[in-house]
Amino acid sequence: MNILDILTMIFLLIGAAFLLVGSIGLFRLPDFYMRLHAPTKASTLGIGSILVASIIFYSFKGDGLSIKEFLITLFIFLTAPITAHMLSKAVLHVRQEPRPDTLNIEILEDIRNRK
């Protein structure tokens, strides 16, 4: 087992851990806003780590450096936060009420009424 195998294994484990935490957060968190936060952040970091492991593995063990993994990583890092933002804005306009113990709930109407 050389250093590249160990490095690939570390990135795969980090990615799997982030994805597991995001899945648990999606299941356990009570509010839409909280449920949106956990998988968005965790999936971005989890998939990013797994793609870094793929880049490391296939760059040295495969046919050389491939642009596919870089493009997939760029696509994930650009689309996941934008999608989360669009979902949260849609829920604001639908006027779904957050939990009563949500922080900064008093500014919610100001945010909703912004143009």
N, C-alpha and C. Protein backbone atom coordinates (compact mmCIF):
# COMPACT_ATOMS: atom_id res chain seq x y z
N MET A 1 0.85 -1.17 0.00
CA MET A 1 0.00 0.00 0.00
C MET A 1 0.90 1.24 0.00
N ASN A 2 0.78 2.04 -1.04
CA ASN A 2 1.62 3.22 -1.13
C ASN A 2 0.85 4.46 -0.67
N ILE A 3 1.49 5.59 -0.78
CA ILE A 3 0.94 6.84 -0.25
C ILE A 3 -0.30 7.28 -1.04
N LEU A 4 -0.35 6.99 -2.34
CA LEU A 4 -1.51 7.37 -3.14
C LEU A 4 -2.76 6.59 -2.74
N ASP A 5 -2.57 5.31 -2.43
CA ASP A 5 -3.72 4.52 -1.95
C ASP A 5 -4.23 5.04 -0.62
N ILE A 6 -3.33 5.39 0.25
CA ILE A 6 -3.72 5.92 1.57
C ILE A 6 -4.42 7.26 1.41
N LEU A 7 -3.89 8.12 0.55
CA LEU A 7 -4.51 9.43 0.31
C LEU A 7 -5.90 9.29 -0.32
N THR A 8 -6.04 8.36 -1.25
CA THR A 8 -7.34 8.10 -1.85
C THR A 8 -8.32 7.58 -0.81
N MET A 9 -7.86 6.69 0.03
CA MET A 9 -8.71 6.12 1.08
C MET A 9 -9.15 7.21 2.07
N ILE A 10 -8.26 8.10 2.41
CA ILE A 10 -8.59 9.18 3.36
C ILE A 10 -9.67 10.09 2.77
N PHE A 11 -9.51 10.48 1.51
CA PHE A 11 -10.52 11.34 0.89
C PHE A 11 -11.86 10.62 0.73
N LEU A 12 -11.82 9.32 0.43
CA LEU A 12 -13.07 8.57 0.34
C LEU A 12 -13.77 8.49 1.69
N LEU A 13 -13.01 8.28 2.75
CA LEU A 13 -13.62 8.21 4.09
C LEU A 13 -14.16 9.57 4.53
N ILE A 14 -13.43 10.64 4.23
CA ILE A 14 -13.92 11.98 4.55
C ILE A 14 -15.22 12.26 3.80
N GLY A 15 -15.25 11.94 2.51
CA GLY A 15 -16.46 12.14 1.73
C GLY A 15 -17.63 11.32 2.23
N ALA A 16 -17.38 10.07 2.57
CA ALA A 16 -18.44 9.22 3.10
C ALA A 16 -18.96 9.74 4.44
N ALA A 17 -18.06 10.24 5.27
CA ALA A 17 -18.48 10.78 6.57
C ALA A 17 -19.36 12.02 6.39
N PHE A 18 -18.97 12.93 5.48
CA PHE A 18 -19.78 14.11 5.24
C PHE A 18 -21.15 13.74 4.68
N LEU A 19 -21.19 12.79 3.76
CA LEU A 19 -22.47 12.37 3.21
C LEU A 19 -23.35 11.71 4.25
N LEU A 20 -22.75 10.93 5.15
CA LEU A 20 -23.51 10.30 6.23
C LEU A 20 -24.09 11.35 7.17
N VAL A 21 -23.29 12.34 7.54
CA VAL A 21 -23.77 13.40 8.42
C VAL A 21 -24.89 14.20 7.75
N GLY A 22 -24.76 14.48 6.47
CA GLY A 22 -25.81 15.18 5.76
C GLY A 22 -27.10 14.39 5.68
N SER A 23 -26.99 13.09 5.49
CA SER A 23 -28.18 12.24 5.44
C SER A 23 -28.86 12.17 6.80
N ILE A 24 -28.08 12.06 7.85
CA ILE A 24 -28.64 12.05 9.20
C ILE A 24 -29.29 13.39 9.50
N GLY A 25 -28.65 14.48 9.10
CA GLY A 25 -29.22 15.81 9.31
C GLY A 25 -30.54 15.99 8.57
N LEU A 26 -30.63 15.46 7.37
CA LEU A 26 -31.88 15.54 6.61
C LEU A 26 -32.99 14.78 7.32
N PHE A 27 -32.65 13.68 7.91
CA PHE A 27 -33.65 12.86 8.60
C PHE A 27 -34.04 13.42 9.95
N ARG A 28 -33.09 13.95 10.69
CA ARG A 28 -33.33 14.32 12.09
C ARG A 28 -33.74 15.76 12.33
N LEU A 29 -33.35 16.68 11.49
CA LEU A 29 -33.64 18.09 11.75
C LEU A 29 -35.11 18.39 11.52
N PRO A 30 -35.70 19.26 12.35
CA PRO A 30 -37.15 19.42 12.35
C PRO A 30 -37.72 20.41 11.33
N ASP A 31 -36.97 21.37 10.90
CA ASP A 31 -37.50 22.48 10.12
C ASP A 31 -36.98 22.39 8.68
N PHE A 32 -37.73 22.96 7.74
CA PHE A 32 -37.28 22.94 6.34
C PHE A 32 -35.95 23.64 6.17
N TYR A 33 -35.79 24.78 6.81
CA TYR A 33 -34.55 25.55 6.67
C TYR A 33 -33.35 24.78 7.21
N MET A 34 -33.55 24.11 8.33
CA MET A 34 -32.47 23.29 8.88
C MET A 34 -32.22 22.06 8.01
N ARG A 35 -33.29 21.46 7.50
CA ARG A 35 -33.13 20.31 6.62
C ARG A 35 -32.44 20.69 5.32
N LEU A 36 -32.64 21.89 4.89
CA LEU A 36 -31.98 22.34 3.67
C LEU A 36 -30.49 22.56 3.89
N HIS A 37 -30.14 23.07 5.06
CA HIS A 37 -28.74 23.40 5.35
C HIS A 37 -27.86 22.17 5.44
N ALA A 38 -28.30 21.16 6.18
CA ALA A 38 -27.45 19.99 6.43
C ALA A 38 -27.05 19.24 5.16
N PRO A 39 -27.97 18.82 4.32
CA PRO A 39 -27.53 18.07 3.14
C PRO A 39 -26.82 18.92 2.10
N THR A 40 -27.14 20.20 2.02
CA THR A 40 -26.48 21.03 1.01
C THR A 40 -25.00 21.18 1.32
N LYS A 41 -24.69 21.53 2.54
CA LYS A 41 -23.28 21.70 2.91
C LYS A 41 -22.55 20.36 2.89
N ALA A 42 -23.19 19.35 3.47
CA ALA A 42 -22.52 18.06 3.58
C ALA A 42 -22.35 17.38 2.23
N SER A 43 -23.35 17.50 1.37
CA SER A 43 -23.21 16.84 0.07
C SER A 43 -22.16 17.53 -0.79
N THR A 44 -22.07 18.84 -0.69
CA THR A 44 -21.04 19.54 -1.45
C THR A 44 -19.65 19.10 -1.02
N LEU A 45 -19.42 19.05 0.28
CA LEU A 45 -18.10 18.63 0.77
C LEU A 45 -17.88 17.13 0.57
N GLY A 46 -18.93 16.33 0.74
CA GLY A 46 -18.79 14.89 0.58
C GLY A 46 -18.49 14.48 -0.84
N ILE A 47 -19.29 14.99 -1.77
CA ILE A 47 -19.06 14.67 -3.18
C ILE A 47 -17.73 15.27 -3.65
N GLY A 48 -17.40 16.47 -3.14
CA GLY A 48 -16.11 17.07 -3.49
C GLY A 48 -14.94 16.21 -3.05
N SER A 49 -15.02 15.66 -1.83
CA SER A 49 -13.94 14.80 -1.34
C SER A 49 -13.85 13.50 -2.14
N ILE A 50 -14.99 12.94 -2.48
CA ILE A 50 -14.98 11.70 -3.27
C ILE A 50 -14.42 11.97 -4.67
N LEU A 51 -14.75 13.11 -5.24
CA LEU A 51 -14.20 13.44 -6.55
C LEU A 51 -12.71 13.73 -6.49
N VAL A 52 -12.24 14.32 -5.40
CA VAL A 52 -10.79 14.51 -5.23
C VAL A 52 -10.10 13.15 -5.13
N ALA A 53 -10.72 12.20 -4.44
CA ALA A 53 -10.16 10.85 -4.37
C ALA A 53 -10.12 10.22 -5.76
N SER A 54 -11.16 10.45 -6.55
CA SER A 54 -11.18 9.92 -7.92
C SER A 54 -10.09 10.57 -8.77
N ILE A 55 -9.90 11.87 -8.60
CA ILE A 55 -8.85 12.56 -9.35
C ILE A 55 -7.48 12.00 -8.99
N ILE A 56 -7.24 11.81 -7.70
CA ILE A 56 -5.95 11.26 -7.26
C ILE A 56 -5.74 9.85 -7.81
N PHE A 57 -6.77 9.03 -7.68
CA PHE A 57 -6.63 7.63 -8.10
C PHE A 57 -6.40 7.51 -9.60
N TYR A 58 -7.26 8.13 -10.39
CA TYR A 58 -7.16 7.96 -11.84
C TYR A 58 -6.03 8.76 -12.46
N SER A 59 -5.52 9.77 -11.77
CA SER A 59 -4.38 10.51 -12.31
C SER A 59 -3.11 9.67 -12.28
N PHE A 60 -2.98 8.86 -11.23
CA PHE A 60 -1.74 8.09 -11.08
C PHE A 60 -1.90 6.63 -11.45
N LYS A 61 -3.09 6.08 -11.34
CA LYS A 61 -3.29 4.66 -11.64
C LYS A 61 -3.93 4.44 -13.00
N GLY A 62 -4.61 5.43 -13.51
CA GLY A 62 -5.34 5.27 -14.76
C GLY A 62 -4.58 5.83 -15.95
N ASP A 63 -5.34 6.43 -16.82
CA ASP A 63 -4.78 6.94 -18.08
C ASP A 63 -4.17 8.32 -17.96
N GLY A 64 -4.12 8.86 -16.80
CA GLY A 64 -3.58 10.20 -16.62
C GLY A 64 -4.65 11.15 -16.12
N LEU A 65 -4.32 12.40 -16.09
CA LEU A 65 -5.22 13.42 -15.58
C LEU A 65 -6.41 13.59 -16.52
N SER A 66 -7.61 13.49 -15.94
CA SER A 66 -8.83 13.62 -16.73
C SER A 66 -9.55 14.90 -16.35
N ILE A 67 -10.13 15.53 -17.33
CA ILE A 67 -10.85 16.78 -17.09
C ILE A 67 -12.26 16.52 -16.57
N LYS A 68 -12.75 15.29 -16.71
CA LYS A 68 -14.13 14.97 -16.32
C LYS A 68 -14.37 15.22 -14.84
N GLU A 69 -13.46 14.77 -13.99
CA GLU A 69 -13.65 14.96 -12.55
C GLU A 69 -13.62 16.43 -12.17
N PHE A 70 -12.77 17.20 -12.82
CA PHE A 70 -12.72 18.64 -12.55
C PHE A 70 -14.03 19.32 -12.94
N LEU A 71 -14.58 18.94 -14.08
CA LEU A 71 -15.83 19.53 -14.53
C LEU A 71 -17.00 19.14 -13.62
N ILE A 72 -17.03 17.90 -13.18
CA ILE A 72 -18.08 17.46 -12.26
C ILE A 72 -17.97 18.20 -10.94
N THR A 73 -16.75 18.34 -10.43
CA THR A 73 -16.55 19.07 -9.18
C THR A 73 -16.98 20.53 -9.32
N LEU A 74 -16.60 21.16 -10.40
CA LEU A 74 -17.01 22.55 -10.64
C LEU A 74 -18.53 22.66 -10.72
N PHE A 75 -19.16 21.73 -11.42
CA PHE A 75 -20.61 21.75 -11.56
C PHE A 75 -21.30 21.59 -10.20
N ILE A 76 -20.82 20.66 -9.38
CA ILE A 76 -21.42 20.44 -8.06
C ILE A 76 -21.22 21.66 -7.17
N PHE A 77 -20.02 22.22 -7.16
CA PHE A 77 -19.74 23.38 -6.30
C PHE A 77 -20.51 24.62 -6.75
N LEU A 78 -20.87 24.72 -8.00
CA LEU A 78 -21.65 25.86 -8.47
C LEU A 78 -23.15 25.66 -8.29
N THR A 79 -23.65 24.46 -8.54
CA THR A 79 -25.09 24.26 -8.55
C THR A 79 -25.70 23.99 -7.19
N ALA A 80 -25.01 23.33 -6.28
CA ALA A 80 -25.60 23.00 -4.98
C ALA A 80 -25.95 24.24 -4.16
N PRO A 81 -25.06 25.22 -4.00
CA PRO A 81 -25.45 26.42 -3.25
C PRO A 81 -26.55 27.25 -3.95
N ILE A 82 -26.50 27.29 -5.27
CA ILE A 82 -27.53 28.04 -5.99
C ILE A 82 -28.89 27.38 -5.82
N THR A 83 -28.93 26.07 -5.90
CA THR A 83 -30.18 25.34 -5.70
C THR A 83 -30.72 25.55 -4.29
N ALA A 84 -29.86 25.49 -3.30
CA ALA A 84 -30.30 25.72 -1.92
C ALA A 84 -30.85 27.13 -1.75
N HIS A 85 -30.21 28.10 -2.36
CA HIS A 85 -30.69 29.48 -2.28
C HIS A 85 -32.06 29.63 -2.94
N MET A 86 -32.22 29.02 -4.10
CA MET A 86 -33.51 29.10 -4.79
C MET A 86 -34.62 28.42 -4.00
N LEU A 87 -34.33 27.28 -3.39
CA LEU A 87 -35.33 26.59 -2.56
C LEU A 87 -35.71 27.43 -1.35
N SER A 88 -34.73 28.04 -0.71
CA SER A 88 -35.04 28.85 0.48
C SER A 88 -35.84 30.09 0.10
N LYS A 89 -35.55 30.71 -1.04
CA LYS A 89 -36.34 31.85 -1.49
C LYS A 89 -37.76 31.44 -1.83
N ALA A 90 -37.93 30.27 -2.41
CA ALA A 90 -39.27 29.80 -2.73
C ALA A 90 -40.09 29.56 -1.47
N VAL A 91 -39.47 29.01 -0.45
CA VAL A 91 -40.17 28.76 0.80
C VAL A 91 -40.50 30.08 1.50
N LEU A 92 -39.64 31.06 1.38
CA LEU A 92 -39.96 32.38 1.93
C LEU A 92 -41.19 32.98 1.27
N HIS A 93 -41.31 32.83 -0.03
CA HIS A 93 -42.44 33.40 -0.74
C HIS A 93 -43.73 32.62 -0.51
N VAL A 94 -43.62 31.34 -0.22
CA VAL A 94 -44.79 30.54 0.11
C VAL A 94 -45.26 30.85 1.53
N ARG A 95 -44.38 31.46 2.30
CA ARG A 95 -44.64 31.89 3.68
C ARG A 95 -44.81 30.71 4.64
N GLN A 96 -43.98 29.70 4.45
CA GLN A 96 -43.96 28.61 5.42
C GLN A 96 -43.34 29.12 6.71
N GLU A 97 -44.01 28.88 7.80
CA GLU A 97 -43.55 29.38 9.09
C GLU A 97 -42.42 28.51 9.64
N PRO A 98 -41.37 29.15 10.13
CA PRO A 98 -40.30 28.38 10.78
C PRO A 98 -40.70 27.99 12.19
N ARG A 99 -39.88 27.21 12.82
CA ARG A 99 -40.13 26.83 14.21
C ARG A 99 -40.05 28.06 15.09
N PRO A 100 -40.76 28.05 16.21
CA PRO A 100 -40.73 29.22 17.11
C PRO A 100 -39.37 29.51 17.73
N ASP A 101 -38.52 28.50 17.84
CA ASP A 101 -37.22 28.71 18.47
C ASP A 101 -36.13 29.09 17.45
N THR A 102 -36.53 29.43 16.23
CA THR A 102 -35.57 29.85 15.21
C THR A 102 -35.00 31.21 15.56
N LEU A 103 -33.70 31.36 15.39
CA LEU A 103 -33.05 32.64 15.67
C LEU A 103 -33.42 33.68 14.61
N ASN A 104 -33.48 34.93 15.01
CA ASN A 104 -33.75 36.06 14.12
C ASN A 104 -35.10 35.96 13.42
N ILE A 105 -36.07 35.38 14.08
CA ILE A 105 -37.39 35.22 13.47
C ILE A 105 -38.09 36.56 13.29
N GLU A 106 -37.69 37.57 14.07
CA GLU A 106 -38.34 38.88 13.99
C GLU A 106 -38.04 39.61 12.67
N ILE A 107 -37.00 39.25 11.98
CA ILE A 107 -36.69 39.92 10.71
C ILE A 107 -37.22 39.15 9.51
N LEU A 108 -37.97 38.10 9.75
CA LEU A 108 -38.47 37.28 8.67
C LEU A 108 -39.42 38.05 7.75
N GLU A 109 -40.31 38.83 8.30
CA GLU A 109 -41.24 39.63 7.48
C GLU A 109 -40.52 40.67 6.65
N ASP A 110 -39.47 41.27 7.21
CA ASP A 110 -38.69 42.24 6.43
C ASP A 110 -38.03 41.58 5.23
N ILE A 111 -37.54 40.37 5.44
CA ILE A 111 -36.91 39.63 4.32
C ILE A 111 -37.95 39.26 3.28
N ARG A 112 -39.12 38.82 3.73
CA ARG A 112 -40.17 38.43 2.80
C ARG A 112 -40.69 39.60 1.97
N ASN A 113 -40.72 40.80 2.57
CA ASN A 113 -41.28 41.94 1.87
C ASN A 113 -40.28 42.70 1.01
N ARG A 114 -39.03 42.27 1.00
CA ARG A 114 -38.03 42.90 0.14
C ARG A 114 -38.35 42.65 -1.32
N LYS A 115 -38.03 43.61 -2.11
CA LYS A 115 -38.26 43.44 -3.56
C LYS A 115 -36.98 43.09 -4.26
